[in-house]
Amino acid sequence: MPSLRPTPLLAALVLTTSSCGGTVTQERATIEADASAEAEVAADTSAPVEASPDSAPGADAAVDEPSVPDAASDAMLPDSPSEASQDAPPEVACIPPHAWCNGACVDLSSDPANCGNCGTSCQSWQQCVAGTCGCECAAGLSCCGAICTDFATDPSNCGACGNACKAGEVCMAGMCSGCACPAPMTCCNNACTNLQMDTQNCGACGHACPSACGCVAGYCAVAGCQPGWGDCDSDCANGCETNLVTSPSNCGACGLACIAGKVCVNGMCP
């Protein structure tokens, strides 16, 4: 059975029962006072909270301003000057090799900040030549990195960019060689020689003449013949095979022929 909660009314009844000297009027006054207090407590608890004007139905429509979506409001605003320049007509205003890059017509063939394509920048030491970052060189020179060089003589770029000769070698005619020779000498097998008369390097490095021959003006030939004889077939293997005294085809010298019907006498055509 639930316990009884003491209330002011129950206390008043108990007081009336236990107090012999009390009167009915006093008991009624006590009961009415307690009832009034309970009514005030109930009123405070159950009274509805006064609503603000904004919370009433339809209040938003009367008070709040209509909102505009951000995208729509942005669309209604004019472009700033910088934005407008980005929206400017592109290539139609540029004549090739010019192109529209970052708000201007630029020459893609020579602009180091837009070399070949928009935004392709050359290094500070490079130039934009024909749309490629490099260097512009005079005839006979080639561009390697930041410099113009001669592939024929540059030991750091001998024959091609980056082809460096070894220590002690030089670059001659685009090839690394072990010696540097004054003209008309040529370096062959790390030695300077004259290709016009060297029988082991006759006309070119490594071209050796037969043992019976010499090197004459860069060709293998008989080094010398007895008077009246000549090496007219340029075959040094058979030596001086032609008699220049009597040969009508080589009268006095190789290749000197007498007219038809004439003979060669003592190296002369009578």
Protein backbone atom coordinates (compact mmCIF):
# COMPACT_ATOMS: atom_id res chain seq x y z
CA MET A 1 0.00 0.00 0.00
CA PRO A 2 1.49 3.42 -0.98
CA SER A 3 2.51 5.70 1.84
CA LEU A 4 0.54 8.89 2.37
CA ARG A 5 2.39 12.10 1.61
CA PRO A 6 1.77 14.68 4.33
CA THR A 7 0.04 17.76 2.93
CA PRO A 8 -0.98 21.04 4.55
CA LEU A 9 -4.61 19.92 4.47
CA LEU A 10 -3.89 16.66 6.31
CA ALA A 11 -1.81 18.52 8.88
CA ALA A 12 -4.70 20.88 9.50
CA LEU A 13 -7.09 17.98 10.11
CA VAL A 14 -4.68 16.39 12.52
CA LEU A 15 -4.27 19.72 14.29
CA THR A 16 -8.04 20.07 14.60
CA THR A 17 -8.40 16.59 15.99
CA SER A 18 -5.60 16.91 18.51
CA SER A 19 -6.24 20.48 19.69
CA CYS A 20 -9.07 20.58 22.18
CA GLY A 21 -9.17 24.32 22.43
CA GLY A 22 -9.30 25.07 18.65
CA THR A 23 -12.29 26.56 16.81
CA VAL A 24 -13.89 25.78 13.46
CA THR A 25 -13.08 29.25 12.15
CA GLN A 26 -9.35 28.82 12.73
CA GLU A 27 -9.36 25.43 11.04
CA ARG A 28 -11.13 26.83 7.96
CA ALA A 29 -8.70 29.72 7.67
CA THR A 30 -5.76 27.36 7.78
CA ILE A 31 -7.23 25.08 5.10
CA GLU A 32 -8.04 28.00 2.78
CA ALA A 33 -4.53 29.45 3.13
CA ASP A 34 -2.90 26.12 2.29
CA ALA A 35 -5.17 25.59 -0.70
CA SER A 36 -4.32 29.04 -2.04
CA ALA A 37 -0.58 28.29 -1.81
CA GLU A 38 -0.99 25.00 -3.69
CA ALA A 39 -2.98 26.76 -6.41
CA GLU A 40 -0.20 29.32 -6.94
CA VAL A 41 2.40 26.56 -7.28
CA ALA A 42 0.24 24.73 -9.82
CA ALA A 43 -0.34 27.94 -11.75
CA ASP A 44 3.39 28.68 -11.98
CA THR A 45 4.10 25.14 -13.20
CA SER A 46 1.39 24.81 -15.81
CA ALA A 47 1.23 28.39 -17.15
CA PRO A 48 2.20 28.51 -20.87
CA VAL A 49 5.33 30.47 -21.80
CA GLU A 50 4.48 33.65 -23.62
CA ALA A 51 5.42 33.23 -27.25
CA SER A 52 7.48 35.89 -28.99
CA PRO A 53 6.05 37.58 -32.06
CA ASP A 54 8.58 35.81 -34.25
CA SER A 55 7.41 32.37 -33.12
CA ALA A 56 3.78 32.91 -34.05
CA PRO A 57 2.50 31.19 -37.21
CA GLY A 58 3.20 33.28 -40.25
CA ALA A 59 5.56 35.57 -38.34
CA ASP A 60 8.56 34.70 -40.59
CA ALA A 61 6.68 35.73 -43.69
CA ALA A 62 5.92 39.13 -42.19
CA VAL A 63 9.29 39.91 -40.60
CA ASP A 64 12.19 38.02 -42.29
CA GLU A 65 13.57 39.20 -45.64
CA PRO A 66 13.56 36.56 -48.40
CA SER A 67 17.03 34.96 -48.75
CA VAL A 68 18.88 34.68 -52.07
CA PRO A 69 21.03 31.58 -52.74
CA ASP A 70 24.76 32.31 -52.81
CA ALA A 71 25.18 31.06 -56.37
CA ALA A 72 22.38 33.27 -57.62
CA SER A 73 23.64 36.33 -55.77
CA ASP A 74 27.16 35.75 -57.13
CA ALA A 75 25.78 35.50 -60.64
CA MET A 76 24.06 38.87 -60.27
CA LEU A 77 27.30 40.60 -59.21
CA PRO A 78 29.53 42.04 -62.00
CA ASP A 79 32.97 40.48 -62.53
CA SER A 80 35.93 42.22 -61.00
CA PRO A 81 38.45 43.66 -63.51
CA SER A 82 40.84 40.73 -63.01
CA GLU A 83 38.07 38.17 -63.52
CA ALA A 84 36.86 39.96 -66.60
CA SER A 85 40.35 39.83 -68.16
CA GLN A 86 40.51 36.08 -67.68
CA ASP A 87 37.21 35.78 -69.53
CA ALA A 88 38.50 37.78 -72.50
CA PRO A 89 38.30 36.16 -75.96
CA PRO A 90 41.27 33.79 -76.36
CA GLU A 91 43.13 32.75 -79.56
CA VAL A 92 40.85 34.62 -81.94
CA ALA A 93 42.78 37.81 -81.17
CA CYS A 94 46.23 36.17 -81.59
CA ILE A 95 48.07 35.45 -84.84
CA PRO A 96 50.27 32.28 -84.83
CA PRO A 97 52.85 31.67 -83.53
CA HIS A 98 51.24 33.96 -80.94
CA ALA A 99 48.81 32.38 -78.49
CA TRP A 100 46.60 33.54 -75.61
CA CYS A 101 48.50 33.01 -72.35
CA ASN A 102 47.57 34.61 -69.02
CA GLY A 103 45.57 37.41 -70.54
CA ALA A 104 47.90 38.38 -73.39
CA CYS A 105 49.05 37.28 -76.83
CA VAL A 106 52.58 35.88 -76.58
CA ASP A 107 54.98 34.45 -79.16
CA LEU A 108 55.40 30.77 -78.27
CA SER A 109 58.43 30.55 -80.56
CA SER A 110 60.51 33.09 -78.64
CA ASP A 111 58.89 33.88 -75.26
CA PRO A 112 61.12 32.37 -72.51
CA ALA A 113 58.14 32.35 -70.10
CA ASN A 114 55.90 30.50 -72.57
CA CYS A 115 58.28 28.56 -74.79
CA GLY A 116 56.39 26.22 -77.10
CA ASN A 117 53.42 26.10 -74.72
CA CYS A 118 51.74 28.40 -72.23
CA GLY A 119 53.55 28.23 -68.89
CA THR A 120 56.68 26.44 -70.17
CA SER A 121 59.51 28.57 -68.77
CA CYS A 122 63.15 28.39 -69.83
CA GLN A 123 65.99 28.56 -67.32
CA SER A 124 67.47 32.00 -66.67
CA TRP A 125 70.49 31.24 -68.86
CA GLN A 126 68.44 29.83 -71.73
CA GLN A 127 66.72 31.40 -74.69
CA CYS A 128 63.54 30.30 -76.41
CA VAL A 129 64.48 29.43 -79.97
CA ALA A 130 61.81 28.05 -82.32
CA GLY A 131 59.70 27.04 -79.32
CA THR A 132 62.51 25.14 -77.60
CA CYS A 133 64.60 26.24 -74.62
CA GLY A 134 68.27 26.42 -75.53
CA CYS A 135 70.75 28.89 -76.95
CA GLU A 136 71.05 30.56 -80.32
CA CYS A 137 74.45 29.83 -81.85
CA ALA A 138 76.37 31.07 -84.86
CA ALA A 139 76.97 28.83 -87.86
CA GLY A 140 79.31 25.95 -87.08
CA LEU A 141 78.53 26.02 -83.35
CA SER A 142 76.08 23.90 -81.40
CA CYS A 143 74.16 24.54 -78.19
CA CYS A 144 75.10 22.46 -75.16
CA GLY A 145 73.30 23.47 -71.99
CA ALA A 146 73.90 27.19 -71.66
CA ILE A 147 76.79 27.61 -74.09
CA CYS A 148 77.54 27.49 -77.79
CA THR A 149 80.42 25.16 -78.59
CA ASP A 150 82.35 23.62 -81.47
CA PHE A 151 81.87 19.86 -81.50
CA ALA A 152 85.02 19.53 -83.62
CA THR A 153 87.39 20.87 -80.96
CA ASP A 154 85.62 21.03 -77.57
CA PRO A 155 87.11 18.30 -75.32
CA SER A 156 84.07 18.52 -73.03
CA ASN A 157 81.64 18.09 -75.90
CA CYS A 158 83.64 16.26 -78.55
CA GLY A 159 81.35 15.34 -81.42
CA ALA A 160 78.26 15.64 -79.22
CA CYS A 161 77.03 17.33 -76.05
CA GLY A 162 78.51 15.71 -72.94
CA ASN A 163 81.04 13.53 -74.79
CA ALA A 164 84.15 14.44 -72.78
CA CYS A 165 87.62 13.31 -73.74
CA LYS A 166 89.80 11.56 -71.18
CA ALA A 167 92.65 13.26 -69.39
CA GLY A 168 95.50 13.98 -71.79
CA GLU A 169 93.29 13.65 -74.87
CA VAL A 170 92.27 16.41 -77.22
CA CYS A 171 89.24 16.76 -79.47
CA MET A 172 90.15 16.80 -83.14
CA ALA A 173 87.53 16.71 -85.90
CA GLY A 174 84.95 15.66 -83.34
CA MET A 175 87.01 12.72 -82.06
CA CYS A 176 89.03 12.36 -78.89
CA SER A 177 92.72 11.92 -79.59
CA GLY A 178 95.75 11.39 -77.41
CA CYS A 179 97.85 14.17 -78.93
CA ALA A 180 97.58 17.67 -80.28
CA CYS A 181 99.63 18.18 -83.43
CA PRO A 182 100.55 21.29 -85.42
CA ALA A 183 99.56 21.48 -89.08
CA PRO A 184 100.09 19.61 -91.34
CA MET A 185 100.71 16.87 -88.81
CA THR A 186 97.98 14.50 -87.66
CA CYS A 187 97.72 12.45 -84.48
CA CYS A 188 97.68 8.74 -85.28
CA ASN A 189 97.88 6.18 -82.49
CA ASN A 190 98.90 8.86 -79.99
CA ALA A 191 101.68 10.13 -82.23
CA CYS A 192 101.93 13.06 -84.62
CA THR A 193 102.65 12.12 -88.24
CA ASN A 194 102.47 13.46 -91.80
CA LEU A 195 99.83 11.58 -93.75
CA GLN A 196 101.37 12.81 -97.00
CA MET A 197 104.54 10.70 -96.62
CA ASP A 198 104.09 8.22 -93.73
CA THR A 199 104.09 4.71 -95.23
CA GLN A 200 102.24 3.37 -92.15
CA ASN A 201 99.64 6.11 -92.30
CA CYS A 202 99.55 7.11 -95.95
CA GLY A 203 96.62 9.44 -96.59
CA ALA A 204 94.85 8.28 -93.42
CA CYS A 205 95.69 6.88 -90.02
CA GLY A 206 96.37 3.15 -90.26
CA HIS A 207 96.68 2.97 -94.09
CA ALA A 208 100.03 1.22 -94.62
CA CYS A 209 101.76 0.89 -97.98
CA PRO A 210 103.39 -2.40 -99.19
CA SER A 211 107.00 -2.87 -98.22
CA ALA A 212 108.33 -1.97 -101.70
CA CYS A 213 106.38 1.27 -101.79
CA GLY A 214 106.68 4.67 -100.35
CA CYS A 215 104.02 7.29 -99.54
CA VAL A 216 103.99 10.09 -102.07
CA ALA A 217 101.49 12.95 -101.60
CA GLY A 218 99.29 10.70 -99.52
CA TYR A 219 99.36 7.77 -101.98
CA CYS A 220 101.33 4.57 -101.88
CA ALA A 221 103.86 4.60 -104.73
CA VAL A 222 107.44 3.76 -105.56
CA ALA A 223 109.54 6.09 -103.53
CA GLY A 224 112.01 6.67 -106.35
CA CYS A 225 112.97 5.23 -109.72
CA GLN A 226 116.19 5.09 -111.67
CA PRO A 227 116.50 7.70 -114.40
CA GLY A 228 114.47 6.71 -117.47
CA TRP A 229 112.07 4.52 -115.50
CA GLY A 230 108.73 5.24 -113.92
CA ASP A 231 105.91 3.69 -111.91
CA CYS A 232 103.16 4.47 -114.35
CA ASP A 233 100.60 1.85 -113.23
CA SER A 234 100.65 3.14 -109.62
CA ASP A 235 101.34 -0.39 -108.48
CA CYS A 236 104.27 -0.09 -106.19
CA ALA A 237 104.43 -3.85 -105.89
CA ASN A 238 106.07 -4.17 -109.36
CA GLY A 239 108.31 -1.17 -108.81
CA CYS A 240 109.30 1.10 -111.66
CA GLU A 241 107.91 -0.95 -114.52
CA THR A 242 107.83 1.60 -117.38
CA ASN A 243 110.70 2.67 -119.66
CA LEU A 244 110.13 6.36 -120.13
CA VAL A 245 112.79 6.55 -122.86
CA THR A 246 111.00 4.34 -125.39
CA SER A 247 107.33 4.00 -124.35
CA PRO A 248 105.08 5.88 -126.86
CA SER A 249 102.36 6.01 -124.16
CA ASN A 250 104.70 7.34 -121.49
CA CYS A 251 107.37 9.16 -123.45
CA GLY A 252 109.61 11.00 -121.05
CA ALA A 253 106.97 10.85 -118.26
CA CYS A 254 104.07 8.73 -117.19
CA GLY A 255 100.98 9.54 -119.25
CA LEU A 256 102.76 11.54 -121.95
CA ALA A 257 101.82 9.78 -125.24
CA CYS A 258 103.04 10.40 -128.76
CA ILE A 259 100.56 10.87 -131.60
CA ALA A 260 99.56 7.78 -133.54
CA GLY A 261 102.32 6.40 -135.75
CA LYS A 262 105.10 8.16 -133.93
CA VAL A 263 107.73 6.48 -131.78
CA CYS A 264 109.41 7.59 -128.57
CA VAL A 265 113.13 8.21 -128.99
CA ASN A 266 115.19 9.07 -125.94
CA GLY A 267 112.03 10.11 -124.14
CA MET A 268 110.83 12.37 -126.95
CA CYS A 269 108.25 12.07 -129.71
CA PRO A 270 109.97 13.21 -133.05
